[in-house]
Amino acid sequence: MLSNILNTLEHVVDFTVDSLFISIGTGFNERLTGIEPFKIELQGFSKCEDIFGNYLFLNVIKGQNEIIKIHNLLYDNEFHKFDASSAYLPHMTVGKFKDSFELEQAYEEIKDMDCLFASYVDKISVEMIGDNEEYMVVIEKQLKISPH
């Protein structure tokens, strides 16, 4: 499980799409212009049950403001129809479960795990999740440090 978490750290902002194709256009790159690479730290687990499913999250404890800014830039525009209409809490999804019971079981197994994960975000990737849970990168933006 820990290797899964570390392998997906670059995918801080999650998007789930029902269709096989999404047209984003140039808006994605334009909106993220000026967003610089940043450090993140993740620690502690939480559960989320919403209209999209039953999820287990690893909580972001450093880099929250940057992630919220990116989330708002995209969900206020291109991804508006995928907005869950609830307050966004930065996280990394570590599991999706078929029901509340499975979610609770998984949470009970790891809730006391006290590991700190740290990384550096220098790329934002938008992924489609296919019908068979396969991930496909739709578009990416390399973040750059702005010259001052």
C-alpha atoms as a PDB file:
ATOM      1  CA  MET A   1       0.000   0.000   0.000  1.00  0.00           C
ATOM      2  CA  LEU A   2       2.775   2.488   0.867  1.00  0.00           C
ATOM      3  CA  SER A   3       4.393   2.062  -2.549  1.00  0.00           C
ATOM      4  CA  ASN A   4       1.022   2.829  -4.161  1.00  0.00           C
ATOM      5  CA  ILE A   5       0.819   6.025  -2.134  1.00  0.00           C
ATOM      6  CA  LEU A   6       4.321   7.126  -3.079  1.00  0.00           C
ATOM      7  CA  ASN A   7       3.828   6.254  -6.754  1.00  0.00           C
ATOM      8  CA  THR A   8       0.758   8.468  -7.045  1.00  0.00           C
ATOM      9  CA  LEU A   9       1.973  11.572  -5.206  1.00  0.00           C
ATOM     10  CA  GLU A  10       2.304  13.498  -8.478  1.00  0.00           C
ATOM     11  CA  HIS A  11      -1.456  13.184  -8.962  1.00  0.00           C
ATOM     12  CA  VAL A  12      -2.522  15.576  -6.244  1.00  0.00           C
ATOM     13  CA  VAL A  13      -5.668  16.813  -7.920  1.00  0.00           C
ATOM     14  CA  ASP A  14      -8.076  13.976  -8.723  1.00  0.00           C
ATOM     15  CA  PHE A  15     -10.626  14.032 -11.544  1.00  0.00           C
ATOM     16  CA  THR A  16     -12.996  11.193 -12.338  1.00  0.00           C
ATOM     17  CA  VAL A  17     -14.649  11.344 -15.774  1.00  0.00           C
ATOM     18  CA  ASP A  18     -17.499   9.211 -17.129  1.00  0.00           C
ATOM     19  CA  SER A  19     -16.765   9.664 -20.804  1.00  0.00           C
ATOM     20  CA  LEU A  20     -13.815   8.254 -22.750  1.00  0.00           C
ATOM     21  CA  PHE A  21     -12.850  11.648 -24.139  1.00  0.00           C
ATOM     22  CA  ILE A  22     -12.696  15.095 -22.573  1.00  0.00           C
ATOM     23  CA  SER A  23     -11.976  18.312 -24.410  1.00  0.00           C
ATOM     24  CA  ILE A  24     -10.078  20.690 -22.164  1.00  0.00           C
ATOM     25  CA  GLY A  25      -8.555  23.092 -24.652  1.00  0.00           C
ATOM     26  CA  THR A  26      -5.970  25.675 -23.767  1.00  0.00           C
ATOM     27  CA  GLY A  27      -7.802  26.829 -20.639  1.00  0.00           C
ATOM     28  CA  PHE A  28      -6.060  24.236 -18.465  1.00  0.00           C
ATOM     29  CA  ASN A  29      -2.544  25.464 -19.284  1.00  0.00           C
ATOM     30  CA  GLU A  30      -3.532  29.117 -19.130  1.00  0.00           C
ATOM     31  CA  ARG A  31      -5.198  28.788 -15.718  1.00  0.00           C
ATOM     32  CA  LEU A  32      -2.146  27.062 -14.231  1.00  0.00           C
ATOM     33  CA  THR A  33       0.318  29.634 -15.554  1.00  0.00           C
ATOM     34  CA  GLY A  34       2.008  31.231 -12.561  1.00  0.00           C
ATOM     35  CA  ILE A  35       1.502  28.224 -10.274  1.00  0.00           C
ATOM     36  CA  GLU A  36       4.979  27.302  -9.070  1.00  0.00           C
ATOM     37  CA  PRO A  37       6.263  23.951  -7.788  1.00  0.00           C
ATOM     38  CA  PHE A  38       5.607  23.438  -4.067  1.00  0.00           C
ATOM     39  CA  LYS A  39       6.276  21.075  -1.203  1.00  0.00           C
ATOM     40  CA  ILE A  40       3.555  18.884   0.242  1.00  0.00           C
ATOM     41  CA  GLU A  41       3.296  16.726   3.329  1.00  0.00           C
ATOM     42  CA  LEU A  42       0.621  14.125   3.930  1.00  0.00           C
ATOM     43  CA  GLN A  43      -0.260  12.455   7.210  1.00  0.00           C
ATOM     44  CA  GLY A  44      -3.303  10.797   8.737  1.00  0.00           C
ATOM     45  CA  PHE A  45      -6.241   9.122   7.080  1.00  0.00           C
ATOM     46  CA  SER A  46      -9.874  10.106   6.695  1.00  0.00           C
ATOM     47  CA  LYS A  47     -13.023   8.671   5.129  1.00  0.00           C
ATOM     48  CA  CYS A  48     -15.308  10.283   2.595  1.00  0.00           C
ATOM     49  CA  GLU A  49     -18.698   9.043   1.484  1.00  0.00           C
ATOM     50  CA  ASP A  50     -20.354  11.164  -1.181  1.00  0.00           C
ATOM     51  CA  ILE A  51     -22.312  10.914  -4.431  1.00  0.00           C
ATOM     52  CA  PHE A  52     -19.197   9.595  -6.203  1.00  0.00           C
ATOM     53  CA  GLY A  53     -18.456   6.697  -3.826  1.00  0.00           C
ATOM     54  CA  ASN A  54     -16.743   5.555  -0.626  1.00  0.00           C
ATOM     55  CA  TYR A  55     -13.158   6.785  -0.382  1.00  0.00           C
ATOM     56  CA  LEU A  56     -10.180   6.533   1.918  1.00  0.00           C
ATOM     57  CA  PHE A  57      -7.986   9.642   1.891  1.00  0.00           C
ATOM     58  CA  LEU A  58      -4.464  10.485   2.996  1.00  0.00           C
ATOM     59  CA  ASN A  59      -4.706  14.028   4.375  1.00  0.00           C
ATOM     60  CA  VAL A  60      -2.543  16.906   3.129  1.00  0.00           C
ATOM     61  CA  ILE A  61      -1.023  18.829   6.046  1.00  0.00           C
ATOM     62  CA  LYS A  62       1.394  21.074   4.109  1.00  0.00           C
ATOM     63  CA  GLY A  63       0.686  22.582   0.687  1.00  0.00           C
ATOM     64  CA  GLN A  64      -3.058  22.863   1.320  1.00  0.00           C
ATOM     65  CA  ASN A  65      -3.341  26.456   0.120  1.00  0.00           C
ATOM     66  CA  GLU A  66      -1.624  25.699  -3.180  1.00  0.00           C
ATOM     67  CA  ILE A  67      -3.807  22.668  -3.819  1.00  0.00           C
ATOM     68  CA  ILE A  68      -7.003  24.558  -2.958  1.00  0.00           C
ATOM     69  CA  LYS A  69      -5.973  27.318  -5.358  1.00  0.00           C
ATOM     70  CA  ILE A  70      -5.405  24.798  -8.169  1.00  0.00           C
ATOM     71  CA  HIS A  71      -8.658  22.991  -7.347  1.00  0.00           C
ATOM     72  CA  ASN A  72     -10.645  26.233  -7.445  1.00  0.00           C
ATOM     73  CA  LEU A  73      -9.039  27.407 -10.689  1.00  0.00           C
ATOM     74  CA  LEU A  74     -10.093  24.191 -12.427  1.00  0.00           C
ATOM     75  CA  TYR A  75     -13.396  23.344 -10.749  1.00  0.00           C
ATOM     76  CA  ASP A  76     -14.703  26.885 -11.158  1.00  0.00           C
ATOM     77  CA  ASN A  77     -14.139  26.471 -14.898  1.00  0.00           C
ATOM     78  CA  GLU A  78     -13.372  23.352 -16.987  1.00  0.00           C
ATOM     79  CA  PHE A  79     -14.380  20.816 -14.331  1.00  0.00           C
ATOM     80  CA  HIS A  80     -17.445  22.572 -12.945  1.00  0.00           C
ATOM     81  CA  LYS A  81     -19.762  19.652 -13.774  1.00  0.00           C
ATOM     82  CA  PHE A  82     -17.599  17.298 -11.667  1.00  0.00           C
ATOM     83  CA  ASP A  83     -17.723  19.465  -8.546  1.00  0.00           C
ATOM     84  CA  ALA A  84     -19.218  17.620  -5.557  1.00  0.00           C
ATOM     85  CA  SER A  85     -20.569  20.980  -4.267  1.00  0.00           C
ATOM     86  CA  SER A  86     -18.990  20.524  -0.852  1.00  0.00           C
ATOM     87  CA  ALA A  87     -16.046  22.212   0.797  1.00  0.00           C
ATOM     88  CA  TYR A  88     -12.872  20.821  -0.738  1.00  0.00           C
ATOM     89  CA  LEU A  89     -10.286  19.352   1.623  1.00  0.00           C
ATOM     90  CA  PRO A  90      -6.908  18.611   0.006  1.00  0.00           C
ATOM     91  CA  HIS A  91      -6.115  14.897   0.054  1.00  0.00           C
ATOM     92  CA  MET A  92      -4.744  12.012  -1.915  1.00  0.00           C
ATOM     93  CA  THR A  93      -7.167   9.188  -2.606  1.00  0.00           C
ATOM     94  CA  VAL A  94      -5.690   5.856  -1.494  1.00  0.00           C
ATOM     95  CA  GLY A  95      -8.756   3.688  -2.040  1.00  0.00           C
ATOM     96  CA  LYS A  96     -12.299   3.512  -3.362  1.00  0.00           C
ATOM     97  CA  PHE A  97     -14.608   0.922  -1.818  1.00  0.00           C
ATOM     98  CA  LYS A  98     -17.846  -0.641  -2.985  1.00  0.00           C
ATOM     99  CA  ASP A  99     -19.698   0.137   0.248  1.00  0.00           C
ATOM    100  CA  SER A 100     -19.467   1.775   3.679  1.00  0.00           C
ATOM    101  CA  PHE A 101     -18.639  -1.523   5.369  1.00  0.00           C
ATOM    102  CA  GLU A 102     -15.500  -2.090   3.255  1.00  0.00           C
ATOM    103  CA  LEU A 103     -14.476   1.536   3.744  1.00  0.00           C
ATOM    104  CA  GLU A 104     -14.816   1.213   7.515  1.00  0.00           C
ATOM    105  CA  GLN A 105     -12.787  -2.024   7.544  1.00  0.00           C
ATOM    106  CA  ALA A 106      -9.943  -0.423   5.601  1.00  0.00           C
ATOM    107  CA  TYR A 107     -10.007   2.688   7.765  1.00  0.00           C
ATOM    108  CA  GLU A 108      -9.834   0.620  10.968  1.00  0.00           C
ATOM    109  CA  GLU A 109      -6.741  -1.175   9.638  1.00  0.00           C
ATOM    110  CA  ILE A 110      -4.742   1.986   8.962  1.00  0.00           C
ATOM    111  CA  LYS A 111      -6.242   4.771  11.084  1.00  0.00           C
ATOM    112  CA  ASP A 112      -3.449   4.612  13.678  1.00  0.00           C
ATOM    113  CA  MET A 113      -0.638   4.576  11.121  1.00  0.00           C
ATOM    114  CA  ASP A 114       1.461   7.636  11.931  1.00  0.00           C
ATOM    115  CA  CYS A 115       3.671   8.050   8.869  1.00  0.00           C
ATOM    116  CA  LEU A 116       4.621  11.360   7.315  1.00  0.00           C
ATOM    117  CA  PHE A 117       4.908  11.436   3.518  1.00  0.00           C
ATOM    118  CA  ALA A 118       6.677  14.361   1.870  1.00  0.00           C
ATOM    119  CA  SER A 119       7.099  15.243  -1.772  1.00  0.00           C
ATOM    120  CA  TYR A 120       7.591  18.089  -4.196  1.00  0.00           C
ATOM    121  CA  VAL A 121       4.823  18.839  -6.696  1.00  0.00           C
ATOM    122  CA  ASP A 122       6.174  20.039 -10.035  1.00  0.00           C
ATOM    123  CA  LYS A 123       3.533  18.644 -12.384  1.00  0.00           C
ATOM    124  CA  ILE A 124      -0.276  18.612 -12.454  1.00  0.00           C
ATOM    125  CA  SER A 125      -1.867  15.681 -14.279  1.00  0.00           C
ATOM    126  CA  VAL A 126      -5.498  15.222 -15.221  1.00  0.00           C
ATOM    127  CA  GLU A 127      -6.499  11.600 -15.515  1.00  0.00           C
ATOM    128  CA  MET A 128      -9.535   9.782 -16.783  1.00  0.00           C
ATOM    129  CA  ILE A 129     -10.536   6.689 -14.876  1.00  0.00           C
ATOM    130  CA  GLY A 130     -11.895   4.058 -17.227  1.00  0.00           C
ATOM    131  CA  ASP A 131     -14.677   1.572 -16.663  1.00  0.00           C
ATOM    132  CA  ASN A 132     -12.142  -1.025 -15.505  1.00  0.00           C
ATOM    133  CA  GLU A 133     -10.410   1.403 -13.103  1.00  0.00           C
ATOM    134  CA  GLU A 134      -7.539   2.007 -15.539  1.00  0.00           C
ATOM    135  CA  TYR A 135      -5.953   5.447 -15.389  1.00  0.00           C
ATOM    136  CA  MET A 136      -5.228   7.454 -18.522  1.00  0.00           C
ATOM    137  CA  VAL A 137      -3.414  10.802 -18.431  1.00  0.00           C
ATOM    138  CA  VAL A 138      -5.415  13.305 -20.477  1.00  0.00           C
ATOM    139  CA  ILE A 139      -3.267  16.408 -20.047  1.00  0.00           C
ATOM    140  CA  GLU A 140      -0.310  17.495 -17.938  1.00  0.00           C
ATOM    141  CA  LYS A 141       1.217  20.803 -16.987  1.00  0.00           C
ATOM    142  CA  GLN A 142       4.825  21.086 -15.831  1.00  0.00           C
ATOM    143  CA  LEU A 143       5.013  23.752 -13.116  1.00  0.00           C
ATOM    144  CA  LYS A 144       7.855  26.241 -13.438  1.00  0.00           C
ATOM    145  CA  ILE A 145       9.463  28.707 -11.101  1.00  0.00           C
ATOM    146  CA  SER A 146       8.637  32.218 -12.284  1.00  0.00           C
ATOM    147  CA  PRO A 147      11.611  34.509 -12.923  1.00  0.00           C
ATOM    148  CA  HIS A 148      11.513  37.432 -10.495  1.00  0.00           C
END
